[in-house]
Amino acid sequence: MDPTIGDLTTTVNALWLLVAAALVLIMTPGVAFFYGGMVKAKSVVSMMMMSFGAMGLVGVLWVLYGYGFAFGTSVGDTSNDLIKGVLGNPSGQFLLGDLVSAPDGSGPNLYGLAFAGFQATFAIITVALISGAIADRAKFGSWMLFAFLWVTIVYFPVAHWVFNFTLTDGKTSDGGWIVFGLGVNDFAGGTAVHINAGAAGLALALVLGKRIGFQKGIQKPHNVPLTLLGAALLWFGWFGFNAGSEAGVDGTAALAWINTLAAPAAAILGWLIVEKIKDGKPTSIGAASGAVSGLVAITPACNILTPGWGMVLGLITGAVCCLAIELKFKLGFDDSLDVVGIHLVGGIIGTLYIGIFGTGIGLIDRIANGDAMPLSQLGAQALGAGAVLVFSFVIAWLLGTAIQKTIGFRISTEDEVAGVDTVVHGEESYALDPA
């Protein structure tokens, strides 16, 4: 969306961004509830605190320098778009300086500040999502240190790769090396948010190891309604997440909204069908997880699919992710709350799906139009997804390993048995003693 077409249009677009930002911010408490209901009763406070800690830490870092690294002018003056779009220059954006007080003295930038606020909520929730992979066994201080390092080294640059671009006549004319250099279509963060968080979650799950007694059927959700509440908040906020990514009010925003309804609805059905066949019973946790998997998959594709293809994507993703969450038992890694099975797998499915079914750019339309390189978009989508996956996994593994070997990342066996809530936070989620 071009925000410069008339003052009224700019004002309306900025208003929508502010509303969308508020919706997306609700998603992080939604993650806290979604995860909190699925852990042990003695780990709820810890689980939710990791999300709220991310809100505090990443919110501050974004204002300090994160926005500048993500959306500053690309470092380096080069004609190679793959090199140029690697990292933003934060000069002038410390504490959002140029947005708050423009060099020409014009005062706060309405649209610029609204956009900065909207993107801040993306950074926050991406970090919060990672925490689900290390439930029941992580030190809060170590988690906060990891979050600080990971969001600075990984998320801010990746946001520049994917979300920083210039539109000219409706086409990307400059920007990050993934969105412009490769030409990847990632409308709202299939790579930057979900693959990014999923890969980091996998790395931390490997570093911290398995929970005590880890095996299928042992770890039961302690509060199913809490998880369903979290899923509801996530779905509600996701309308701002996807439709808000158009950064304005137009037909593309409306299409993104409809797809954000259609895909997760179909994903619920896909998950429940497979769950019924596989385990004999459809569950409410399955419905909630199916909805989230569909939301993840439609995130990169909500601007480029018809609602029909969006529902097909949701159906496929719900079914595949229901199977993918079994990988942790087969391969022996404890991805506690299925960050890998839902966010990494769902993000990959949605990102690659565009290369086949994306309107005007996917394999099917390219073949129909006689394109000489029908696989080019699919190849670009795969390369972009792979680059983010490898980068995030490697850095997260290095950071997690360094923290574990120095100050320690995992709590002791005794503390895990006693419960991370009382040991780390001195609180209980359910104080039944009236005294």
Protein backbone atom coordinates (compact mmCIF):
# COMPACT_ATOMS: atom_id res chain seq x y z
CA MET A 1 0.00 0.00 0.00
CA ASP A 2 1.36 3.43 -0.95
CA PRO A 3 0.84 5.62 2.14
CA THR A 4 1.45 8.92 0.31
CA ILE A 5 -1.80 9.20 -1.66
CA GLY A 6 -3.57 12.13 -0.03
CA ASP A 7 -3.77 13.24 3.60
CA LEU A 8 -7.13 11.59 4.32
CA THR A 9 -5.96 8.26 2.91
CA THR A 10 -2.76 8.46 4.94
CA THR A 11 -4.73 9.18 8.09
CA VAL A 12 -7.13 6.28 7.51
CA ASN A 13 -4.25 3.92 6.77
CA ALA A 14 -2.40 5.04 9.91
CA LEU A 15 -5.55 4.56 11.97
CA TRP A 16 -5.90 1.00 10.67
CA LEU A 17 -2.25 0.31 11.49
CA LEU A 18 -2.75 1.52 15.06
CA VAL A 19 -5.82 -0.70 15.47
CA ALA A 20 -4.01 -3.66 13.88
CA ALA A 21 -1.01 -3.12 16.16
CA ALA A 22 -3.27 -3.30 19.21
CA LEU A 23 -4.79 -6.52 17.87
CA VAL A 24 -1.37 -8.08 17.33
CA LEU A 25 -0.20 -7.04 20.79
CA ILE A 26 -3.11 -9.03 22.25
CA MET A 27 -1.64 -12.11 20.58
CA THR A 28 1.31 -12.30 22.98
CA PRO A 29 -0.90 -12.70 26.07
CA GLY A 30 -2.79 -15.14 23.84
CA VAL A 31 0.41 -17.14 23.43
CA ALA A 32 0.88 -17.03 27.21
CA PHE A 33 -2.60 -18.49 27.79
CA PHE A 34 -2.27 -20.99 24.93
CA TYR A 35 1.04 -22.29 26.26
CA GLY A 36 0.09 -21.88 29.93
CA GLY A 37 -2.85 -24.25 29.69
CA MET A 38 -0.75 -26.99 28.14
CA VAL A 39 2.05 -27.16 30.72
CA LYS A 40 2.05 -28.67 34.20
CA ALA A 41 0.16 -26.74 36.88
CA LYS A 42 3.47 -26.05 38.63
CA SER A 43 4.90 -24.39 35.48
CA VAL A 44 2.11 -21.99 34.43
CA VAL A 45 3.62 -18.86 35.95
CA SER A 46 7.00 -19.58 34.37
CA MET A 47 5.44 -20.26 30.98
CA MET A 48 3.40 -17.07 30.96
CA MET A 49 6.26 -15.00 32.35
CA MET A 50 8.43 -15.87 29.36
CA SER A 51 5.83 -14.24 27.09
CA PHE A 52 5.38 -11.20 29.31
CA GLY A 53 9.14 -10.90 29.73
CA ALA A 54 9.42 -10.81 25.95
CA MET A 55 6.87 -7.99 25.82
CA GLY A 56 8.92 -5.88 28.19
CA LEU A 57 12.37 -6.63 26.82
CA VAL A 58 11.68 -6.59 23.09
CA GLY A 59 9.43 -3.54 23.37
CA VAL A 60 12.32 -1.56 24.89
CA LEU A 61 14.91 -2.89 22.42
CA TRP A 62 12.66 -2.06 19.46
CA VAL A 63 12.40 1.57 20.49
CA LEU A 64 16.09 1.80 21.33
CA TYR A 65 17.56 0.36 18.14
CA GLY A 66 15.50 -2.52 16.75
CA TYR A 67 13.42 -0.43 14.39
CA GLY A 68 16.57 1.12 12.96
CA PHE A 69 18.23 -2.23 12.30
CA ALA A 70 15.05 -3.62 10.73
CA PHE A 71 13.87 -0.63 8.70
CA GLY A 72 16.85 1.67 8.35
CA THR A 73 18.42 2.18 4.94
CA SER A 74 20.30 -0.97 3.93
CA VAL A 75 23.95 -0.88 4.95
CA GLY A 76 26.37 -0.75 2.04
CA ASP A 77 26.18 1.01 -1.29
CA THR A 78 26.22 -1.83 -3.79
CA SER A 79 24.38 -2.88 -6.90
CA ASN A 80 24.11 -6.46 -5.59
CA ASP A 81 20.62 -6.62 -4.09
CA LEU A 82 21.41 -9.82 -2.18
CA ILE A 83 24.24 -8.09 -0.31
CA LYS A 84 22.66 -4.68 0.06
CA GLY A 85 19.52 -5.86 1.81
CA VAL A 86 21.14 -7.63 4.78
CA LEU A 87 20.95 -5.09 7.63
CA GLY A 88 19.48 -1.66 8.18
CA ASN A 89 21.49 1.36 9.26
CA PRO A 90 20.01 2.55 12.59
CA SER A 91 21.52 6.03 12.22
CA GLY A 92 18.88 8.60 13.07
CA GLN A 93 16.48 5.98 14.44
CA PHE A 94 17.77 5.62 18.01
CA LEU A 95 14.68 6.01 20.19
CA LEU A 96 12.75 6.40 16.90
CA GLY A 97 14.39 9.81 16.59
CA ASP A 98 13.55 10.73 12.98
CA LEU A 99 9.98 9.50 13.38
CA VAL A 100 9.35 11.46 16.56
CA SER A 101 11.09 14.65 15.47
CA ALA A 102 11.64 14.87 11.72
CA PRO A 103 14.79 16.60 10.42
CA ASP A 104 12.62 19.19 8.66
CA GLY A 105 10.97 20.11 11.96
CA SER A 106 7.56 18.81 10.94
CA GLY A 107 7.06 16.92 14.21
CA PRO A 108 5.93 13.32 14.80
CA ASN A 109 5.40 11.22 11.69
CA LEU A 110 1.86 9.82 11.92
CA TYR A 111 2.17 6.98 9.47
CA GLY A 112 5.81 6.20 10.31
CA LEU A 113 5.15 5.87 14.04
CA ALA A 114 2.04 3.77 13.42
CA PHE A 115 4.06 1.43 11.22
CA ALA A 116 6.89 1.25 13.77
CA GLY A 117 4.41 0.33 16.48
CA PHE A 118 2.80 -2.32 14.29
CA GLN A 119 6.13 -3.95 13.51
CA ALA A 120 7.17 -3.86 17.17
CA THR A 121 4.36 -6.27 17.99
CA PHE A 122 5.73 -8.73 15.42
CA ALA A 123 9.14 -8.72 17.07
CA ILE A 124 7.56 -9.30 20.48
CA ILE A 125 5.42 -12.27 19.53
CA THR A 126 8.19 -13.96 17.53
CA VAL A 127 10.33 -14.18 20.65
CA ALA A 128 7.38 -15.31 22.78
CA LEU A 129 6.61 -18.16 20.39
CA ILE A 130 10.06 -19.72 20.93
CA SER A 131 9.41 -20.24 24.63
CA GLY A 132 6.96 -23.08 24.01
CA ALA A 133 9.81 -25.38 23.02
CA ILE A 134 11.46 -25.21 26.46
CA ALA A 135 8.50 -25.38 28.83
CA ASP A 136 8.88 -26.68 32.40
CA ARG A 137 12.68 -26.47 32.54
CA ALA A 138 14.16 -23.05 31.69
CA LYS A 139 15.65 -20.40 33.98
CA PHE A 140 13.90 -17.07 33.52
CA GLY A 141 17.08 -14.97 33.64
CA SER A 142 18.76 -17.17 31.06
CA TRP A 143 15.67 -16.98 28.86
CA MET A 144 15.75 -13.17 29.01
CA LEU A 145 19.45 -13.13 28.11
CA PHE A 146 18.78 -15.43 25.17
CA ALA A 147 15.83 -13.29 24.06
CA PHE A 148 17.99 -10.15 24.13
CA LEU A 149 20.77 -11.73 22.08
CA TRP A 150 18.53 -13.61 19.63
CA VAL A 151 16.21 -10.74 18.79
CA THR A 152 19.22 -8.48 18.22
CA ILE A 153 21.35 -10.87 16.18
CA VAL A 154 18.61 -12.80 14.38
CA TYR A 155 15.16 -11.21 14.37
CA PHE A 156 16.06 -7.60 13.59
CA PRO A 157 18.21 -8.52 10.56
CA VAL A 158 15.66 -11.08 9.31
CA ALA A 159 12.91 -8.47 9.59
CA HIS A 160 15.06 -6.29 7.32
CA TRP A 161 15.40 -9.15 4.84
CA VAL A 162 11.65 -9.76 4.67
CA PHE A 163 9.65 -6.71 5.75
CA ASN A 164 11.79 -3.79 4.60
CA PHE A 165 10.93 -2.88 1.02
CA THR A 166 9.81 -0.03 -1.22
CA LEU A 167 6.75 -0.24 -3.45
CA THR A 168 6.69 1.59 -6.78
CA ASP A 169 3.56 1.25 -8.92
CA GLY A 170 2.51 -1.75 -6.86
CA LYS A 171 5.80 -3.63 -7.32
CA THR A 172 8.77 -4.08 -4.99
CA SER A 173 11.52 -1.77 -6.20
CA ASP A 174 14.01 -1.98 -3.33
CA GLY A 175 14.48 -3.66 0.02
CA GLY A 176 15.73 -6.71 1.90
CA TRP A 177 17.56 -9.45 0.07
CA ILE A 178 14.77 -12.01 0.54
CA VAL A 179 11.77 -9.89 -0.39
CA PHE A 180 13.49 -7.91 -3.16
CA GLY A 181 16.70 -9.74 -4.04
CA LEU A 182 15.02 -13.15 -4.31
CA GLY A 183 11.48 -11.95 -4.93
CA VAL A 184 9.96 -14.06 -2.15
CA ASN A 185 6.30 -13.45 -1.32
CA ASP A 186 5.99 -13.44 2.46
CA PHE A 187 3.13 -11.10 3.18
CA ALA A 188 2.97 -11.23 6.97
CA GLY A 189 5.88 -13.31 8.25
CA GLY A 190 5.83 -17.00 7.38
CA THR A 191 9.62 -16.86 7.27
CA ALA A 192 10.46 -13.92 9.54
CA VAL A 193 8.09 -14.95 12.34
CA HIS A 194 7.13 -18.62 12.17
CA ILE A 195 10.06 -20.39 10.49
CA ASN A 196 12.36 -18.10 12.45
CA ALA A 197 10.76 -18.93 15.81
CA GLY A 198 10.32 -22.61 14.98
CA ALA A 199 13.97 -23.08 14.05
CA ALA A 200 15.11 -21.29 17.21
CA GLY A 201 12.72 -23.40 19.28
CA LEU A 202 14.17 -26.59 17.79
CA ALA A 203 17.69 -25.45 18.63
CA LEU A 204 16.82 -24.66 22.25
CA ALA A 205 14.92 -27.93 22.67
CA LEU A 206 18.09 -29.76 21.63
CA VAL A 207 20.30 -27.67 23.92
CA LEU A 208 18.13 -28.03 27.03
CA GLY A 209 17.28 -31.68 26.48
CA LYS A 210 14.17 -33.60 27.48
CA ARG A 211 11.93 -32.98 30.45
CA ILE A 212 11.81 -35.59 33.20
CA GLY A 213 9.58 -38.46 32.10
CA PHE A 214 9.30 -37.24 28.52
CA GLN A 215 7.26 -39.67 26.46
CA LYS A 216 4.01 -39.67 24.54
CA GLY A 217 0.91 -39.53 26.71
CA ILE A 218 2.67 -38.44 29.91
CA GLN A 219 2.60 -34.66 29.53
CA LYS A 220 -1.10 -33.76 29.69
CA PRO A 221 -2.48 -30.19 29.47
CA HIS A 222 -3.42 -29.12 32.99
CA ASN A 223 -6.06 -26.55 31.93
CA VAL A 224 -7.76 -27.06 28.57
CA PRO A 225 -10.05 -23.98 28.81
CA LEU A 226 -6.99 -21.77 29.32
CA THR A 227 -5.48 -23.09 26.09
CA LEU A 228 -8.75 -22.55 24.22
CA LEU A 229 -8.88 -18.97 25.52
CA GLY A 230 -5.35 -18.46 24.23
CA ALA A 231 -6.27 -19.86 20.82
CA ALA A 232 -9.27 -17.53 20.66
CA LEU A 233 -7.13 -14.48 21.47
CA LEU A 234 -4.57 -15.57 18.89
CA TRP A 235 -7.15 -15.95 16.14
CA PHE A 236 -8.75 -12.61 17.04
CA GLY A 237 -5.42 -10.81 17.00
CA TRP A 238 -4.32 -12.57 13.81
CA PHE A 239 -6.83 -10.55 11.77
CA GLY A 240 -4.71 -7.52 12.63
CA PHE A 241 -1.52 -9.49 12.04
CA ASN A 242 -2.42 -10.45 8.47
CA ALA A 243 -4.81 -7.75 7.26
CA GLY A 244 -2.69 -5.10 8.96
CA SER A 245 0.36 -6.19 6.99
CA GLU A 246 -1.08 -4.46 3.93
CA ALA A 247 -0.38 -1.29 5.95
CA GLY A 248 -3.54 0.30 4.60
CA VAL A 249 -7.20 -0.20 3.82
CA ASP A 250 -7.85 -1.76 0.41
CA GLY A 251 -8.91 -4.95 -1.33
CA THR A 252 -5.72 -6.80 -0.44
CA ALA A 253 -6.30 -6.15 3.26
CA ALA A 254 -9.84 -7.49 2.91
CA LEU A 255 -8.58 -10.59 1.07
CA ALA A 256 -6.04 -11.18 3.84
CA TRP A 257 -8.83 -10.90 6.41
CA ILE A 258 -11.06 -13.43 4.64
CA ASN A 259 -8.17 -15.87 4.23
CA THR A 260 -7.40 -15.48 7.94
CA LEU A 261 -10.91 -16.77 8.57
CA ALA A 262 -11.00 -19.48 5.90
CA ALA A 263 -7.62 -21.20 6.28
CA PRO A 264 -7.66 -21.86 10.04
CA ALA A 265 -11.30 -22.95 9.86
CA ALA A 266 -10.33 -25.62 7.33
CA ALA A 267 -7.20 -26.46 9.34
CA ILE A 268 -9.33 -27.32 12.37
CA LEU A 269 -11.17 -29.87 10.24
CA GLY A 270 -7.96 -31.26 8.77
CA TRP A 271 -6.40 -31.71 12.21
CA LEU A 272 -9.50 -33.29 13.76
CA ILE A 273 -9.97 -35.75 10.90
CA VAL A 274 -6.38 -36.99 11.18
CA GLU A 275 -6.58 -37.02 14.98
CA LYS A 276 -9.75 -39.12 14.87
CA ILE A 277 -8.15 -41.60 12.46
CA LYS A 278 -4.83 -41.69 14.34
CA ASP A 279 -5.90 -41.60 17.99
CA GLY A 280 -9.59 -42.49 17.87
CA LYS A 281 -10.87 -39.23 19.37
CA PRO A 282 -11.00 -35.60 18.22
CA THR A 283 -9.86 -33.28 21.03
CA SER A 284 -10.31 -29.63 21.94
CA ILE A 285 -6.53 -29.23 22.12
CA GLY A 286 -6.44 -30.62 18.58
CA ALA A 287 -9.00 -28.05 17.44
CA ALA A 288 -7.01 -25.22 19.02
CA SER A 289 -3.72 -26.47 17.60
CA GLY A 290 -5.31 -26.98 14.19
CA ALA A 291 -6.56 -23.40 14.14
CA VAL A 292 -3.11 -22.08 15.01
CA SER A 293 -1.45 -24.25 12.35
CA GLY A 294 -3.81 -22.84 9.72
CA LEU A 295 -3.13 -19.30 10.89
CA VAL A 296 0.60 -19.94 10.63
CA ALA A 297 0.36 -21.33 7.10
CA ILE A 298 -1.86 -18.57 5.73
CA THR A 299 0.38 -15.83 7.19
CA PRO A 300 2.79 -15.58 4.22
CA ALA A 301 0.10 -16.34 1.65
CA CYS A 302 -3.00 -14.41 2.71
CA ASN A 303 -2.53 -11.72 0.03
CA ILE A 304 -1.92 -14.04 -2.91
CA LEU A 305 -4.46 -16.88 -2.57
CA THR A 306 -8.14 -17.02 -3.36
CA PRO A 307 -10.20 -18.12 -0.34
CA GLY A 308 -10.73 -21.51 -2.01
CA TRP A 309 -7.01 -22.18 -2.27
CA GLY A 310 -6.66 -20.74 1.24
CA MET A 311 -9.02 -23.40 2.59
CA VAL A 312 -7.12 -26.12 0.75
CA LEU A 313 -3.93 -24.83 2.36
CA GLY A 314 -5.59 -24.90 5.77
CA LEU A 315 -6.91 -28.43 5.31
CA ILE A 316 -3.49 -29.70 4.23
CA THR A 317 -1.64 -27.87 6.99
CA GLY A 318 -3.96 -29.04 9.75
CA ALA A 319 -3.53 -32.65 8.63
CA VAL A 320 0.24 -32.46 8.15
CA CYS A 321 0.92 -30.62 11.42
CA CYS A 322 -1.19 -33.15 13.32
CA LEU A 323 1.25 -35.77 12.06
CA ALA A 324 4.33 -33.55 12.42
CA ILE A 325 3.94 -33.15 16.18
CA GLU A 326 4.72 -36.86 16.48
CA LEU A 327 8.23 -36.27 15.14
CA LYS A 328 9.53 -35.26 18.56
CA PHE A 329 8.71 -38.72 19.91
CA LYS A 330 10.17 -40.53 16.91
CA LEU A 331 13.34 -38.41 16.74
CA GLY A 332 13.78 -37.91 20.47
CA PHE A 333 13.73 -34.13 20.96
CA ASP A 334 11.43 -32.47 23.50
CA ASP A 335 9.66 -29.66 21.67
CA SER A 336 7.37 -29.26 24.64
CA LEU A 337 4.43 -27.37 23.11
CA ASP A 338 4.96 -28.15 19.41
CA VAL A 339 6.65 -24.97 18.25
CA VAL A 340 8.44 -27.07 15.63
CA GLY A 341 5.44 -29.15 14.60
CA ILE A 342 3.14 -26.14 14.22
CA HIS A 343 5.20 -23.02 13.54
CA LEU A 344 8.21 -24.40 11.70
CA VAL A 345 6.30 -26.99 9.69
CA GLY A 346 3.27 -24.75 9.15
CA GLY A 347 5.46 -21.82 8.12
CA ILE A 348 7.32 -23.97 5.59
CA ILE A 349 4.08 -25.35 4.12
CA GLY A 350 2.56 -21.89 3.71
CA THR A 351 5.72 -20.40 2.23
CA LEU A 352 6.17 -23.18 -0.34
CA TYR A 353 2.45 -23.36 -1.16
CA ILE A 354 2.70 -19.86 -2.64
CA GLY A 355 5.21 -21.13 -5.18
CA ILE A 356 2.62 -23.59 -6.49
CA PHE A 357 -0.80 -21.99 -5.99
CA GLY A 358 -0.05 -18.26 -5.61
CA THR A 359 -2.26 -16.19 -7.93
CA GLY A 360 -0.22 -15.02 -10.91
CA ILE A 361 3.12 -16.17 -9.53
CA GLY A 362 2.71 -19.85 -8.62
CA LEU A 363 3.60 -22.89 -10.69
CA ILE A 364 0.03 -23.53 -11.86
CA ASP A 365 -0.55 -20.01 -13.20
CA ARG A 366 2.93 -19.83 -14.69
CA ILE A 367 2.37 -23.03 -16.66
CA ALA A 368 -1.05 -21.79 -17.79
CA ASN A 369 0.53 -18.53 -18.97
CA GLY A 370 3.34 -20.29 -20.83
CA ASP A 371 6.09 -19.04 -18.52
CA ALA A 372 9.52 -20.32 -19.52
CA MET A 373 10.54 -20.68 -15.84
CA PRO A 374 7.47 -22.00 -14.03
CA LEU A 375 9.45 -23.18 -11.00
CA SER A 376 11.18 -19.85 -10.35
CA GLN A 377 8.82 -18.65 -7.61
CA LEU A 378 8.81 -22.02 -5.86
CA GLY A 379 12.60 -22.01 -5.92
CA ALA A 380 12.73 -18.51 -4.48
CA GLN A 381 10.27 -19.43 -1.72
CA ALA A 382 12.29 -22.53 -0.82
CA LEU A 383 15.58 -20.63 -0.75
CA GLY A 384 14.16 -17.86 1.42
CA ALA A 385 12.62 -20.33 3.87
CA GLY A 386 15.81 -22.37 4.02
CA ALA A 387 18.01 -19.34 4.62
CA VAL A 388 15.94 -18.14 7.58
CA LEU A 389 15.69 -21.66 9.01
CA VAL A 390 19.44 -22.30 8.92
CA PHE A 391 20.42 -18.83 10.13
CA SER A 392 18.01 -18.87 13.06
CA PHE A 393 18.79 -22.46 14.07
CA VAL A 394 22.57 -22.05 14.02
CA ILE A 395 22.61 -18.77 15.96
CA ALA A 396 20.02 -19.98 18.48
CA TRP A 397 21.98 -23.19 19.05
CA LEU A 398 25.21 -21.27 19.57
CA LEU A 399 23.58 -18.79 21.94
CA GLY A 400 21.74 -21.49 23.87
CA THR A 401 24.85 -23.63 24.20
CA ALA A 402 26.95 -20.68 25.38
CA ILE A 403 24.36 -19.75 28.01
CA GLN A 404 23.99 -23.36 29.18
CA LYS A 405 27.75 -23.79 29.58
CA THR A 406 28.23 -20.49 31.45
CA ILE A 407 25.35 -19.37 33.65
CA GLY A 408 23.16 -22.40 32.94
CA PHE A 409 19.93 -22.39 30.94
CA ARG A 410 18.14 -25.41 32.38
CA ILE A 411 17.01 -25.67 35.99
CA SER A 412 18.25 -28.56 38.12
CA THR A 413 16.46 -31.90 38.30
CA GLU A 414 15.42 -31.16 41.89
CA ASP A 415 13.95 -27.79 40.90
CA GLU A 416 12.12 -29.32 37.96
CA VAL A 417 10.49 -31.85 40.28
CA ALA A 418 9.60 -29.14 42.81
CA GLY A 419 8.18 -26.92 40.08
CA VAL A 420 9.73 -24.03 38.22
CA ASP A 421 7.04 -21.59 39.39
CA THR A 422 7.90 -21.69 43.08
CA VAL A 423 11.63 -22.17 42.58
CA VAL A 424 12.20 -19.39 40.04
CA HIS A 425 9.34 -16.98 40.69
CA GLY A 426 8.19 -17.75 44.24
CA GLU A 427 4.58 -17.96 43.06
CA GLU A 428 1.91 -20.57 42.47
CA SER A 429 -0.64 -20.44 39.67
CA TYR A 430 -3.45 -21.79 41.84
CA ALA A 431 -3.24 -20.80 45.51
CA LEU A 432 -5.98 -22.93 47.04
CA ASP A 433 -5.02 -22.19 50.65
CA PRO A 434 -7.15 -19.18 51.74
CA ALA A 435 -4.43 -18.18 54.19
